[in-house]
Protein backbone atom coordinates (compact mmCIF):
# COMPACT_ATOMS: atom_id res chain seq x y z
CA UNK A 1 0.00 0.00 0.00
CA UNK A 2 1.43 3.36 -0.98
CA UNK A 3 0.99 6.42 1.15
CA UNK A 4 -0.83 9.41 -0.31
CA UNK A 5 1.24 12.56 0.12
CA UNK A 6 -1.34 14.83 -1.44
CA UNK A 7 -1.61 16.84 -4.61
CA UNK A 8 -0.81 20.37 -5.71
CA UNK A 9 -3.18 22.32 -7.93
CA UNK A 10 -2.54 25.58 -9.74
CA UNK A 11 -5.62 27.11 -11.34
CA UNK A 12 -7.77 30.20 -11.32
CA UNK A 13 -4.81 32.21 -10.03
CA UNK A 14 -4.64 30.11 -6.85
CA UNK A 15 -2.37 27.41 -5.56
CA UNK A 16 -3.77 24.68 -3.33
CA UNK A 17 -2.48 21.54 -1.70
CA UNK A 18 -4.91 18.73 -0.92
CA UNK A 19 -3.81 16.30 1.78
CA UNK A 20 -5.71 13.93 4.08
CA UNK A 21 -9.06 15.21 2.87
CA UNK A 22 -8.19 18.86 3.56
CA UNK A 23 -7.59 21.58 0.98
CA UNK A 24 -4.94 24.10 1.98
CA UNK A 25 -4.24 27.38 0.23
CA UNK A 26 -0.61 28.15 -0.54
CA UNK A 27 0.81 31.63 -0.40
CA UNK A 28 4.28 33.08 -0.41
CA UNK A 29 6.42 36.15 -0.26
CA UNK A 30 9.77 36.42 -1.98
CA UNK A 31 11.81 38.05 0.78
CA UNK A 32 13.13 34.93 2.50
CA UNK A 33 11.27 33.27 0.63
CA UNK A 34 8.59 31.61 2.72
CA UNK A 35 5.80 29.31 1.65
CA UNK A 36 2.62 29.63 3.70
CA UNK A 37 0.29 26.64 4.08
CA UNK A 38 -3.07 28.11 5.07
CA UNK A 39 -6.55 26.97 6.02
CA UNK A 40 -9.46 29.42 6.16
CA UNK A 41 -7.07 32.36 5.82
CA UNK A 42 -4.91 31.33 8.78
CA UNK A 43 -1.34 30.08 8.58
CA UNK A 44 -1.10 26.41 9.52
CA UNK A 45 2.59 26.07 8.73
CA UNK A 46 5.24 28.37 7.27
CA UNK A 47 8.14 26.80 5.41
CA UNK A 48 11.14 29.09 5.59
CA UNK A 49 13.79 29.24 2.86
CA UNK A 50 11.35 27.58 0.51
CA UNK A 51 9.94 28.62 -2.86
CA UNK A 52 7.37 31.09 -4.02
CA UNK A 53 4.06 29.87 -5.40
CA UNK A 54 5.15 31.23 -8.78
CA UNK A 55 8.35 29.17 -8.74
CA UNK A 56 6.41 26.02 -7.86
CA UNK A 57 3.81 26.65 -10.54
CA UNK A 58 6.44 27.29 -13.19
CA UNK A 59 8.32 24.10 -12.32
CA UNK A 60 5.52 21.65 -11.69
CA UNK A 61 3.08 22.63 -14.44
CA UNK A 62 5.83 21.84 -16.95
CA UNK A 63 6.88 18.58 -15.28
CA UNK A 64 10.07 20.13 -13.97
CA UNK A 65 11.75 20.26 -10.59
CA UNK A 66 12.73 22.86 -8.04
CA UNK A 67 16.33 22.94 -6.91
CA UNK A 68 17.45 23.42 -3.33
CA UNK A 69 20.85 24.15 -1.88
CA UNK A 70 23.54 21.51 -2.36
CA UNK A 71 22.08 20.61 -5.77
CA UNK A 72 19.13 18.68 -4.30
CA UNK A 73 16.16 18.66 -6.68
CA UNK A 74 12.54 17.92 -5.90
CA UNK A 75 9.88 16.94 -8.39
CA UNK A 76 6.22 17.50 -7.54
CA UNK A 77 5.84 14.16 -5.76
CA UNK A 78 8.93 14.73 -3.60
CA UNK A 79 7.79 18.25 -2.80
CA UNK A 80 4.35 16.96 -1.75
CA UNK A 81 6.11 14.57 0.65
CA UNK A 82 7.82 17.59 2.21
CA UNK A 83 4.50 19.44 2.56
CA UNK A 84 2.83 16.37 4.08
CA UNK A 85 5.69 15.89 6.52
CA UNK A 86 5.58 19.56 7.52
CA UNK A 87 1.85 19.32 8.23
CA UNK A 88 2.19 15.99 10.04
CA UNK A 89 4.92 17.47 12.25
CA UNK A 90 2.28 19.83 13.72
CA UNK A 91 4.87 22.63 13.78
CA UNK A 92 3.66 26.06 12.84
CA UNK A 93 6.93 26.87 11.10
CA UNK A 94 10.10 25.10 10.03
CA UNK A 95 12.86 25.32 7.50
CA UNK A 96 12.30 23.56 4.18
CA UNK A 97 15.65 21.77 4.45
CA UNK A 98 14.72 20.47 7.91
CA UNK A 99 11.34 19.26 6.62
CA UNK A 100 13.14 17.48 3.77
CA UNK A 101 15.43 15.79 6.31
CA UNK A 102 12.36 14.61 8.23
CA UNK A 103 11.08 13.00 5.02
CA UNK A 104 14.36 11.15 4.69
CA UNK A 105 14.11 10.00 8.32
CA UNK A 106 17.17 11.86 9.52
PDB file of N, CA and C in Angstrom:
ATOM      1  N   UNK A   1       0.836  -1.180   0.000  1.00  0.00           N
ATOM      2  CA  UNK A   1       0.000   0.000   0.000  1.00  0.00           C
ATOM      3  C   UNK A   1       0.882   1.245   0.000  1.00  0.00           C
ATOM      4  N   UNK A   2       0.643   2.137  -0.928  1.00  0.00           N
ATOM      5  CA  UNK A   2       1.434   3.359  -0.984  1.00  0.00           C
ATOM      6  C   UNK A   2       0.738   4.463  -0.207  1.00  0.00           C
ATOM      7  N   UNK A   3       1.527   5.313   0.379  1.00  0.00           N
ATOM      8  CA  UNK A   3       0.989   6.424   1.148  1.00  0.00           C
ATOM      9  C   UNK A   3       0.670   7.578   0.212  1.00  0.00           C
ATOM     10  N   UNK A   4      -0.432   8.261   0.478  1.00  0.00           N
ATOM     11  CA  UNK A   4      -0.833   9.411  -0.310  1.00  0.00           C
ATOM     12  C   UNK A   4      -0.250  10.670   0.333  1.00  0.00           C
ATOM     13  N   UNK A   5       0.610  11.349  -0.398  1.00  0.00           N
ATOM     14  CA  UNK A   5       1.240  12.555   0.116  1.00  0.00           C
ATOM     15  C   UNK A   5       0.572  13.814  -0.404  1.00  0.00           C
ATOM     16  N   UNK A   6      -0.583  13.669  -1.011  1.00  0.00           N
ATOM     17  CA  UNK A   6      -1.343  14.831  -1.440  1.00  0.00           C
ATOM     18  C   UNK A   6      -1.062  15.244  -2.864  1.00  0.00           C
ATOM     19  N   UNK A   7      -1.698  16.364  -3.226  1.00  0.00           N
ATOM     20  CA  UNK A   7      -1.615  16.844  -4.608  1.00  0.00           C
ATOM     21  C   UNK A   7      -1.649  18.360  -4.633  1.00  0.00           C
ATOM     22  N   UNK A   8      -0.819  18.925  -5.470  1.00  0.00           N
ATOM     23  CA  UNK A   8      -0.815  20.367  -5.710  1.00  0.00           C
ATOM     24  C   UNK A   8      -1.743  20.690  -6.870  1.00  0.00           C
ATOM     25  N   UNK A   9      -2.321  21.883  -6.838  1.00  0.00           N
ATOM     26  CA  UNK A   9      -3.177  22.323  -7.926  1.00  0.00           C
ATOM     27  C   UNK A   9      -2.957  23.817  -8.132  1.00  0.00           C
ATOM     28  N   UNK A  10      -2.747  24.182  -9.370  1.00  0.00           N
ATOM     29  CA  UNK A  10      -2.541  25.581  -9.737  1.00  0.00           C
ATOM     30  C   UNK A  10      -3.585  25.951 -10.781  1.00  0.00           C
ATOM     31  N   UNK A  11      -4.616  26.655 -10.367  1.00  0.00           N
ATOM     32  CA  UNK A  11      -5.621  27.112 -11.337  1.00  0.00           C
ATOM     33  C   UNK A  11      -6.390  28.288 -10.761  1.00  0.00           C
ATOM     34  N   UNK A  12      -6.991  29.022 -11.687  1.00  0.00           N
ATOM     35  CA  UNK A  12      -7.773  30.205 -11.318  1.00  0.00           C
ATOM     36  C   UNK A  12      -6.968  31.193 -10.480  1.00  0.00           C
ATOM     37  N   UNK A  13      -5.661  31.261 -10.746  1.00  0.00           N
ATOM     38  CA  UNK A  13      -4.808  32.206 -10.030  1.00  0.00           C
ATOM     39  C   UNK A  13      -4.521  31.811  -8.593  1.00  0.00           C
ATOM     40  N   UNK A  14      -4.865  30.588  -8.214  1.00  0.00           N
ATOM     41  CA  UNK A  14      -4.640  30.106  -6.852  1.00  0.00           C
ATOM     42  C   UNK A  14      -3.761  28.865  -6.873  1.00  0.00           C
ATOM     43  N   UNK A  15      -3.116  28.641  -5.756  1.00  0.00           N
ATOM     44  CA  UNK A  15      -2.366  27.410  -5.556  1.00  0.00           C
ATOM     45  C   UNK A  15      -2.933  26.731  -4.322  1.00  0.00           C
ATOM     46  N   UNK A  16      -3.261  25.437  -4.471  1.00  0.00           N
ATOM     47  CA  UNK A  16      -3.770  24.680  -3.334  1.00  0.00           C
ATOM     48  C   UNK A  16      -3.008  23.374  -3.204  1.00  0.00           C
ATOM     49  N   UNK A  17      -3.073  22.837  -2.012  1.00  0.00           N
ATOM     50  CA  UNK A  17      -2.482  21.541  -1.699  1.00  0.00           C
ATOM     51  C   UNK A  17      -3.544  20.730  -0.970  1.00  0.00           C
ATOM     52  N   UNK A  18      -3.912  19.591  -1.531  1.00  0.00           N
ATOM     53  CA  UNK A  18      -4.905  18.729  -0.917  1.00  0.00           C
ATOM     54  C   UNK A  18      -4.196  17.553  -0.271  1.00  0.00           C
ATOM     55  N   UNK A  19      -4.473  17.355   1.019  1.00  0.00           N
ATOM     56  CA  UNK A  19      -3.806  16.299   1.775  1.00  0.00           C
ATOM     57  C   UNK A  19      -4.730  15.824   2.895  1.00  0.00           C
ATOM     58  N   UNK A  20      -4.882  14.544   3.031  1.00  0.00           N
ATOM     59  CA  UNK A  20      -5.709  13.929   4.078  1.00  0.00           C
ATOM     60  C   UNK A  20      -7.120  14.521   4.120  1.00  0.00           C
ATOM     61  N   UNK A  21      -7.694  14.728   2.948  1.00  0.00           N
ATOM     62  CA  UNK A  21      -9.056  15.214   2.866  1.00  0.00           C
ATOM     63  C   UNK A  21      -9.229  16.702   3.108  1.00  0.00           C
ATOM     64  N   UNK A  22      -8.143  17.410   3.311  1.00  0.00           N
ATOM     65  CA  UNK A  22      -8.192  18.862   3.561  1.00  0.00           C
ATOM     66  C   UNK A  22      -7.571  19.592   2.366  1.00  0.00           C
ATOM     67  N   UNK A  23      -8.146  20.740   2.033  1.00  0.00           N
ATOM     68  CA  UNK A  23      -7.592  21.579   0.975  1.00  0.00           C
ATOM     69  C   UNK A  23      -6.978  22.808   1.638  1.00  0.00           C
ATOM     70  N   UNK A  24      -5.690  22.980   1.408  1.00  0.00           N
ATOM     71  CA  UNK A  24      -4.945  24.096   1.975  1.00  0.00           C
ATOM     72  C   UNK A  24      -4.616  25.086   0.860  1.00  0.00           C
ATOM     73  N   UNK A  25      -4.685  26.355   1.163  1.00  0.00           N
ATOM     74  CA  UNK A  25      -4.236  27.379   0.227  1.00  0.00           C
ATOM     75  C   UNK A  25      -2.744  27.581   0.447  1.00  0.00           C
ATOM     76  N   UNK A  26      -2.034  27.850  -0.634  1.00  0.00           N
ATOM     77  CA  UNK A  26      -0.605  28.149  -0.542  1.00  0.00           C
ATOM     78  C   UNK A  26      -0.389  29.612  -0.889  1.00  0.00           C
ATOM     79  N   UNK A  27       0.451  30.245  -0.141  1.00  0.00           N
ATOM     80  CA  UNK A  27       0.814  31.627  -0.404  1.00  0.00           C
ATOM     81  C   UNK A  27       2.298  31.790  -0.146  1.00  0.00           C
ATOM     82  N   UNK A  28       2.838  32.893  -0.602  1.00  0.00           N
ATOM     83  CA  UNK A  28       4.277  33.080  -0.414  1.00  0.00           C
ATOM     84  C   UNK A  28       4.619  34.558  -0.454  1.00  0.00           C
ATOM     85  N   UNK A  29       5.818  34.855  -0.002  1.00  0.00           N
ATOM     86  CA  UNK A  29       6.415  36.151  -0.258  1.00  0.00           C
ATOM     87  C   UNK A  29       7.875  35.904  -0.577  1.00  0.00           C
ATOM     88  N   UNK A  30       8.439  36.719  -1.448  1.00  0.00           N
ATOM     89  CA  UNK A  30       9.770  36.424  -1.982  1.00  0.00           C
ATOM     90  C   UNK A  30      10.934  36.846  -1.099  1.00  0.00           C
ATOM     91  N   UNK A  31      10.704  37.471   0.030  1.00  0.00           N
ATOM     92  CA  UNK A  31      11.806  38.049   0.785  1.00  0.00           C
ATOM     93  C   UNK A  31      12.751  37.020   1.377  1.00  0.00           C
ATOM     94  N   UNK A  32      12.246  35.941   1.900  1.00  0.00           N
ATOM     95  CA  UNK A  32      13.132  34.930   2.502  1.00  0.00           C
ATOM     96  C   UNK A  32      13.488  33.818   1.532  1.00  0.00           C
ATOM     97  N   UNK A  33      12.740  33.226   0.717  1.00  0.00           N
ATOM     98  CA  UNK A  33      11.274  33.272   0.626  1.00  0.00           C
ATOM     99  C   UNK A  33      10.625  32.274   1.579  1.00  0.00           C
ATOM    100  N   UNK A  34       9.380  32.500   1.864  1.00  0.00           N
ATOM    101  CA  UNK A  34       8.590  31.611   2.718  1.00  0.00           C
ATOM    102  C   UNK A  34       7.393  31.106   1.934  1.00  0.00           C
ATOM    103  N   UNK A  35       7.003  29.877   2.230  1.00  0.00           N
ATOM    104  CA  UNK A  35       5.796  29.305   1.653  1.00  0.00           C
ATOM    105  C   UNK A  35       4.812  29.112   2.801  1.00  0.00           C
ATOM    106  N   UNK A  36       3.640  29.705   2.664  1.00  0.00           N
ATOM    107  CA  UNK A  36       2.616  29.628   3.697  1.00  0.00           C
ATOM    108  C   UNK A  36       1.593  28.559   3.313  1.00  0.00           C
ATOM    109  N   UNK A  37       1.353  27.633   4.233  1.00  0.00           N
ATOM    110  CA  UNK A  37       0.292  26.642   4.077  1.00  0.00           C
ATOM    111  C   UNK A  37      -0.842  27.132   4.970  1.00  0.00           C
ATOM    112  N   UNK A  38      -1.997  27.444   4.347  1.00  0.00           N
ATOM    113  CA  UNK A  38      -3.069  28.110   5.073  1.00  0.00           C
ATOM    114  C   UNK A  38      -4.390  27.342   4.973  1.00  0.00           C
ATOM    115  N   UNK A  39      -5.193  27.508   5.996  1.00  0.00           N
ATOM    116  CA  UNK A  39      -6.548  26.969   6.015  1.00  0.00           C
ATOM    117  C   UNK A  39      -7.461  28.069   6.546  1.00  0.00           C
ATOM    118  N   UNK A  40      -8.499  28.370   5.780  1.00  0.00           N
ATOM    119  CA  UNK A  40      -9.458  29.416   6.163  1.00  0.00           C
ATOM    120  C   UNK A  40      -8.774  30.747   6.476  1.00  0.00           C
ATOM    121  N   UNK A  41      -7.760  31.087   5.680  1.00  0.00           N
ATOM    122  CA  UNK A  41      -7.070  32.360   5.821  1.00  0.00           C
ATOM    123  C   UNK A  41      -6.051  32.437   6.939  1.00  0.00           C
ATOM    124  N   UNK A  42      -5.864  31.359   7.663  1.00  0.00           N
ATOM    125  CA  UNK A  42      -4.910  31.326   8.776  1.00  0.00           C
ATOM    126  C   UNK A  42      -3.725  30.445   8.421  1.00  0.00           C
ATOM    127  N   UNK A  43      -2.527  30.903   8.792  1.00  0.00           N
ATOM    128  CA  UNK A  43      -1.337  30.079   8.581  1.00  0.00           C
ATOM    129  C   UNK A  43      -1.409  28.827   9.445  1.00  0.00           C
ATOM    130  N   UNK A  44      -1.202  27.687   8.811  1.00  0.00           N
ATOM    131  CA  UNK A  44      -1.099  26.411   9.521  1.00  0.00           C
ATOM    132  C   UNK A  44       0.379  26.087   9.722  1.00  0.00           C
ATOM    133  N   UNK A  45       1.152  26.333   8.672  1.00  0.00           N
ATOM    134  CA  UNK A  45       2.589  26.075   8.727  1.00  0.00           C
ATOM    135  C   UNK A  45       3.291  26.995   7.732  1.00  0.00           C
ATOM    136  N   UNK A  46       4.413  27.542   8.149  1.00  0.00           N
ATOM    137  CA  UNK A  46       5.238  28.369   7.267  1.00  0.00           C
ATOM    138  C   UNK A  46       6.553  27.634   7.035  1.00  0.00           C
ATOM    139  N   UNK A  47       6.863  27.397   5.768  1.00  0.00           N
ATOM    140  CA  UNK A  47       8.144  26.797   5.409  1.00  0.00           C
ATOM    141  C   UNK A  47       9.110  27.912   5.037  1.00  0.00           C
ATOM    142  N   UNK A  48      10.141  28.061   5.837  1.00  0.00           N
ATOM    143  CA  UNK A  48      11.143  29.092   5.593  1.00  0.00           C
ATOM    144  C   UNK A  48      12.172  28.605   4.574  1.00  0.00           C
ATOM    145  N   UNK A  49      12.783  29.541   3.876  1.00  0.00           N
ATOM    146  CA  UNK A  49      13.795  29.238   2.864  1.00  0.00           C
ATOM    147  C   UNK A  49      13.254  28.262   1.828  1.00  0.00           C
ATOM    148  N   UNK A  50      12.014  28.483   1.435  1.00  0.00           N
ATOM    149  CA  UNK A  50      11.346  27.580   0.506  1.00  0.00           C
ATOM    150  C   UNK A  50      11.296  28.208  -0.882  1.00  0.00           C
ATOM    151  N   UNK A  51      10.155  28.110  -1.513  1.00  0.00           N
ATOM    152  CA  UNK A  51       9.944  28.623  -2.860  1.00  0.00           C
ATOM    153  C   UNK A  51       8.698  29.488  -2.856  1.00  0.00           C
ATOM    154  N   UNK A  52       8.598  30.335  -3.856  1.00  0.00           N
ATOM    155  CA  UNK A  52       7.365  31.090  -4.016  1.00  0.00           C
ATOM    156  C   UNK A  52       6.365  30.225  -4.774  1.00  0.00           C
ATOM    157  N   UNK A  53       5.097  30.581  -4.664  1.00  0.00           N
ATOM    158  CA  UNK A  53       4.057  29.873  -5.402  1.00  0.00           C
ATOM    159  C   UNK A  53       4.358  29.937  -6.896  1.00  0.00           C
ATOM    160  N   UNK A  54       4.838  31.076  -7.359  1.00  0.00           N
ATOM    161  CA  UNK A  54       5.148  31.232  -8.783  1.00  0.00           C
ATOM    162  C   UNK A  54       6.247  30.284  -9.228  1.00  0.00           C
ATOM    163  N   UNK A  55       7.274  30.101  -8.403  1.00  0.00           N
ATOM    164  CA  UNK A  55       8.351  29.169  -8.736  1.00  0.00           C
ATOM    165  C   UNK A  55       7.828  27.729  -8.811  1.00  0.00           C
ATOM    166  N   UNK A  56       6.980  27.373  -7.865  1.00  0.00           N
ATOM    167  CA  UNK A  56       6.410  26.023  -7.857  1.00  0.00           C
ATOM    168  C   UNK A  56       5.536  25.794  -9.086  1.00  0.00           C
ATOM    169  N   UNK A  57       4.694  26.765  -9.387  1.00  0.00           N
ATOM    170  CA  UNK A  57       3.807  26.648 -10.543  1.00  0.00           C
ATOM    171  C   UNK A  57       4.612  26.499 -11.828  1.00  0.00           C
ATOM    172  N   UNK A  58       5.616  27.333 -11.981  1.00  0.00           N
ATOM    173  CA  UNK A  58       6.438  27.289 -13.192  1.00  0.00           C
ATOM    174  C   UNK A  58       7.116  25.927 -13.345  1.00  0.00           C
ATOM    175  N   UNK A  59       7.620  25.382 -12.254  1.00  0.00           N
ATOM    176  CA  UNK A  59       8.323  24.099 -12.319  1.00  0.00           C
ATOM    177  C   UNK A  59       7.361  22.932 -12.522  1.00  0.00           C
ATOM    178  N   UNK A  60       6.342  22.859 -11.721  1.00  0.00           N
ATOM    179  CA  UNK A  60       5.517  21.648 -11.693  1.00  0.00           C
ATOM    180  C   UNK A  60       4.474  21.577 -12.800  1.00  0.00           C
ATOM    181  N   UNK A  61       4.039  22.700 -13.333  1.00  0.00           N
ATOM    182  CA  UNK A  61       3.078  22.631 -14.441  1.00  0.00           C
ATOM    183  C   UNK A  61       3.761  22.239 -15.747  1.00  0.00           C
ATOM    184  N   UNK A  62       5.084  22.265 -15.762  1.00  0.00           N
ATOM    185  CA  UNK A  62       5.826  21.841 -16.947  1.00  0.00           C
ATOM    186  C   UNK A  62       6.526  20.500 -16.735  1.00  0.00           C
ATOM    187  N   UNK A  63       6.245  19.859 -15.572  1.00  0.00           N
ATOM    188  CA  UNK A  63       6.877  18.576 -15.277  1.00  0.00           C
ATOM    189  C   UNK A  63       8.307  18.690 -14.798  1.00  0.00           C
ATOM    190  N   UNK A  64       8.694  19.897 -14.404  1.00  0.00           N
ATOM    191  CA  UNK A  64      10.068  20.128 -13.967  1.00  0.00           C
ATOM    192  C   UNK A  64      10.273  19.895 -12.481  1.00  0.00           C
ATOM    193  N   UNK A  65      11.384  20.398 -11.993  1.00  0.00           N
ATOM    194  CA  UNK A  65      11.752  20.262 -10.588  1.00  0.00           C
ATOM    195  C   UNK A  65      12.130  21.627 -10.030  1.00  0.00           C
ATOM    196  N   UNK A  66      12.170  21.697  -8.710  1.00  0.00           N
ATOM    197  CA  UNK A  66      12.734  22.859  -8.042  1.00  0.00           C
ATOM    198  C   UNK A  66      14.038  22.401  -7.410  1.00  0.00           C
ATOM    199  N   UNK A  67      14.994  23.289  -7.389  1.00  0.00           N
ATOM    200  CA  UNK A  67      16.327  22.940  -6.908  1.00  0.00           C
ATOM    201  C   UNK A  67      16.583  23.636  -5.581  1.00  0.00           C
ATOM    202  N   UNK A  68      17.119  22.873  -4.646  1.00  0.00           N
ATOM    203  CA  UNK A  68      17.448  23.420  -3.333  1.00  0.00           C
ATOM    204  C   UNK A  68      18.967  23.462  -3.192  1.00  0.00           C
ATOM    205  N   UNK A  69      19.415  24.068  -2.128  1.00  0.00           N
ATOM    206  CA  UNK A  69      20.849  24.146  -1.880  1.00  0.00           C
ATOM    207  C   UNK A  69      21.497  22.773  -1.976  1.00  0.00           C
ATOM    208  N   UNK A  70      22.755  22.735  -2.244  1.00  0.00           N
ATOM    209  CA  UNK A  70      23.539  21.508  -2.359  1.00  0.00           C
ATOM    210  C   UNK A  70      23.054  20.632  -3.514  1.00  0.00           C
ATOM    211  N   UNK A  71      22.491  21.276  -4.532  1.00  0.00           N
ATOM    212  CA  UNK A  71      22.078  20.605  -5.767  1.00  0.00           C
ATOM    213  C   UNK A  71      20.982  19.552  -5.586  1.00  0.00           C
ATOM    214  N   UNK A  72      20.250  19.602  -4.500  1.00  0.00           N
ATOM    215  CA  UNK A  72      19.135  18.677  -4.297  1.00  0.00           C
ATOM    216  C   UNK A  72      17.941  19.183  -5.102  1.00  0.00           C
ATOM    217  N   UNK A  73      17.325  18.288  -5.877  1.00  0.00           N
ATOM    218  CA  UNK A  73      16.164  18.664  -6.683  1.00  0.00           C
ATOM    219  C   UNK A  73      14.942  17.885  -6.221  1.00  0.00           C
ATOM    220  N   UNK A  74      13.794  18.544  -6.299  1.00  0.00           N
ATOM    221  CA  UNK A  74      12.535  17.925  -5.904  1.00  0.00           C
ATOM    222  C   UNK A  74      11.538  18.037  -7.041  1.00  0.00           C
ATOM    223  N   UNK A  75      10.986  16.896  -7.449  1.00  0.00           N
ATOM    224  CA  UNK A  75       9.876  16.935  -8.390  1.00  0.00           C
ATOM    225  C   UNK A  75       8.594  17.158  -7.573  1.00  0.00           C
ATOM    226  N   UNK A  76       7.466  17.198  -8.243  1.00  0.00           N
ATOM    227  CA  UNK A  76       6.219  17.504  -7.544  1.00  0.00           C
ATOM    228  C   UNK A  76       5.905  16.476  -6.458  1.00  0.00           C
ATOM    229  N   UNK A  77       6.118  15.207  -6.752  1.00  0.00           N
ATOM    230  CA  UNK A  77       5.843  14.164  -5.761  1.00  0.00           C
ATOM    231  C   UNK A  77       6.722  14.323  -4.523  1.00  0.00           C
ATOM    232  N   UNK A  78       8.009  14.553  -4.730  1.00  0.00           N
ATOM    233  CA  UNK A  78       8.929  14.730  -3.603  1.00  0.00           C
ATOM    234  C   UNK A  78       8.580  15.978  -2.808  1.00  0.00           C
ATOM    235  N   UNK A  79       8.160  17.029  -3.501  1.00  0.00           N
ATOM    236  CA  UNK A  79       7.789  18.249  -2.797  1.00  0.00           C
ATOM    237  C   UNK A  79       6.516  18.038  -1.982  1.00  0.00           C
ATOM    238  N   UNK A  80       5.566  17.270  -2.507  1.00  0.00           N
ATOM    239  CA  UNK A  80       4.349  16.957  -1.752  1.00  0.00           C
ATOM    240  C   UNK A  80       4.681  16.167  -0.485  1.00  0.00           C
ATOM    241  N   UNK A  81       5.677  15.308  -0.545  1.00  0.00           N
ATOM    242  CA  UNK A  81       6.111  14.573   0.651  1.00  0.00           C
ATOM    243  C   UNK A  81       6.618  15.547   1.712  1.00  0.00           C
ATOM    244  N   UNK A  82       7.326  16.578   1.275  1.00  0.00           N
ATOM    245  CA  UNK A  82       7.817  17.586   2.210  1.00  0.00           C
ATOM    246  C   UNK A  82       6.649  18.338   2.840  1.00  0.00           C
ATOM    247  N   UNK A  83       5.671  18.732   2.020  1.00  0.00           N
ATOM    248  CA  UNK A  83       4.503  19.441   2.555  1.00  0.00           C
ATOM    249  C   UNK A  83       3.742  18.559   3.541  1.00  0.00           C
ATOM    250  N   UNK A  84       3.538  17.294   3.191  1.00  0.00           N
ATOM    251  CA  UNK A  84       2.830  16.369   4.082  1.00  0.00           C
ATOM    252  C   UNK A  84       3.583  16.204   5.402  1.00  0.00           C
ATOM    253  N   UNK A  85       4.880  16.062   5.320  1.00  0.00           N
ATOM    254  CA  UNK A  85       5.695  15.894   6.516  1.00  0.00           C
ATOM    255  C   UNK A  85       5.644  17.142   7.386  1.00  0.00           C
ATOM    256  N   UNK A  86       5.677  18.309   6.760  1.00  0.00           N
ATOM    257  CA  UNK A  86       5.584  19.560   7.516  1.00  0.00           C
ATOM    258  C   UNK A  86       4.251  19.637   8.260  1.00  0.00           C
ATOM    259  N   UNK A  87       3.162  19.302   7.579  1.00  0.00           N
ATOM    260  CA  UNK A  87       1.850  19.323   8.232  1.00  0.00           C
ATOM    261  C   UNK A  87       1.753  18.268   9.325  1.00  0.00           C
ATOM    262  N   UNK A  88       2.244  17.071   9.051  1.00  0.00           N
ATOM    263  CA  UNK A  88       2.190  15.991  10.037  1.00  0.00           C
ATOM    264  C   UNK A  88       3.040  16.287  11.271  1.00  0.00           C
ATOM    265  N   UNK A  89       4.054  17.130  11.115  1.00  0.00           N
ATOM    266  CA  UNK A  89       4.921  17.468  12.249  1.00  0.00           C
ATOM    267  C   UNK A  89       4.193  18.336  13.278  1.00  0.00           C
ATOM    268  N   UNK A  90       3.089  18.941  12.868  1.00  0.00           N
ATOM    269  CA  UNK A  90       2.283  19.829  13.724  1.00  0.00           C
ATOM    270  C   UNK A  90       3.033  21.090  14.155  1.00  0.00           C
ATOM    271  N   UNK A  91       4.133  21.382  13.490  1.00  0.00           N
ATOM    272  CA  UNK A  91       4.871  22.627  13.775  1.00  0.00           C
ATOM    273  C   UNK A  91       4.230  23.757  12.993  1.00  0.00           C
ATOM    274  N   UNK A  92       4.251  24.937  13.566  1.00  0.00           N
ATOM    275  CA  UNK A  92       3.661  26.060  12.842  1.00  0.00           C
ATOM    276  C   UNK A  92       4.667  26.734  11.919  1.00  0.00           C
ATOM    277  N   UNK A  93       5.939  26.428  12.078  1.00  0.00           N
ATOM    278  CA  UNK A  93       6.934  26.870  11.105  1.00  0.00           C
ATOM    279  C   UNK A  93       8.179  26.001  11.218  1.00  0.00           C
ATOM    280  N   UNK A  94       8.838  25.828  10.078  1.00  0.00           N
ATOM    281  CA  UNK A  94      10.098  25.103  10.028  1.00  0.00           C
ATOM    282  C   UNK A  94      10.796  25.393   8.712  1.00  0.00           C
ATOM    283  N   UNK A  95      12.048  25.107   8.687  1.00  0.00           N
ATOM    284  CA  UNK A  95      12.864  25.325   7.498  1.00  0.00           C
ATOM    285  C   UNK A  95      12.601  24.207   6.493  1.00  0.00           C
ATOM    286  N   UNK A  96      12.541  24.561   5.231  1.00  0.00           N
ATOM    287  CA  UNK A  96      12.301  23.562   4.179  1.00  0.00           C
ATOM    288  C   UNK A  96      13.332  22.445   4.234  1.00  0.00           C
ATOM    289  N   UNK A  97      14.598  22.789   4.422  1.00  0.00           N
ATOM    290  CA  UNK A  97      15.647  21.774   4.453  1.00  0.00           C
ATOM    291  C   UNK A  97      15.430  20.809   5.618  1.00  0.00           C
ATOM    292  N   UNK A  98      15.000  21.331   6.766  1.00  0.00           N
ATOM    293  CA  UNK A  98      14.722  20.468   7.913  1.00  0.00           C
ATOM    294  C   UNK A  98      13.541  19.547   7.617  1.00  0.00           C
ATOM    295  N   UNK A  99      12.497  20.082   6.996  1.00  0.00           N
ATOM    296  CA  UNK A  99      11.342  19.261   6.625  1.00  0.00           C
ATOM    297  C   UNK A  99      11.761  18.156   5.655  1.00  0.00           C
ATOM    298  N   UNK A 100      12.644  18.481   4.718  1.00  0.00           N
ATOM    299  CA  UNK A 100      13.141  17.475   3.768  1.00  0.00           C
ATOM    300  C   UNK A 100      13.931  16.404   4.504  1.00  0.00           C
ATOM    301  N   UNK A 101      14.683  16.782   5.518  1.00  0.00           N
ATOM    302  CA  UNK A 101      15.430  15.790   6.311  1.00  0.00           C
ATOM    303  C   UNK A 101      14.479  14.879   7.077  1.00  0.00           C
ATOM    304  N   UNK A 102      13.358  15.441   7.538  1.00  0.00           N
ATOM    305  CA  UNK A 102      12.360  14.610   8.226  1.00  0.00           C
ATOM    306  C   UNK A 102      11.780  13.565   7.283  1.00  0.00           C
ATOM    307  N   UNK A 103      11.579  13.940   6.022  1.00  0.00           N
ATOM    308  CA  UNK A 103      11.078  12.995   5.023  1.00  0.00           C
ATOM    309  C   UNK A 103      12.053  11.836   4.881  1.00  0.00           C
ATOM    310  N   UNK A 104      13.325  12.161   4.862  1.00  0.00           N
ATOM    311  CA  UNK A 104      14.358  11.149   4.692  1.00  0.00           C
ATOM    312  C   UNK A 104      14.622  10.350   5.963  1.00  0.00           C
ATOM    313  N   UNK A 105      13.958  10.728   7.065  1.00  0.00           N
ATOM    314  CA  UNK A 105      14.111   9.998   8.324  1.00  0.00           C
ATOM    315  C   UNK A 105      15.372  10.328   9.071  1.00  0.00           C
ATOM    316  N   UNK A 106      15.935  11.488   8.819  1.00  0.00           N
ATOM    317  CA  UNK A 106      17.173  11.863   9.516  1.00  0.00           C
ATOM    318  C   UNK A 106      16.853  12.636  10.773  1.00  0.00           C
TER     319      UNK A 106
END
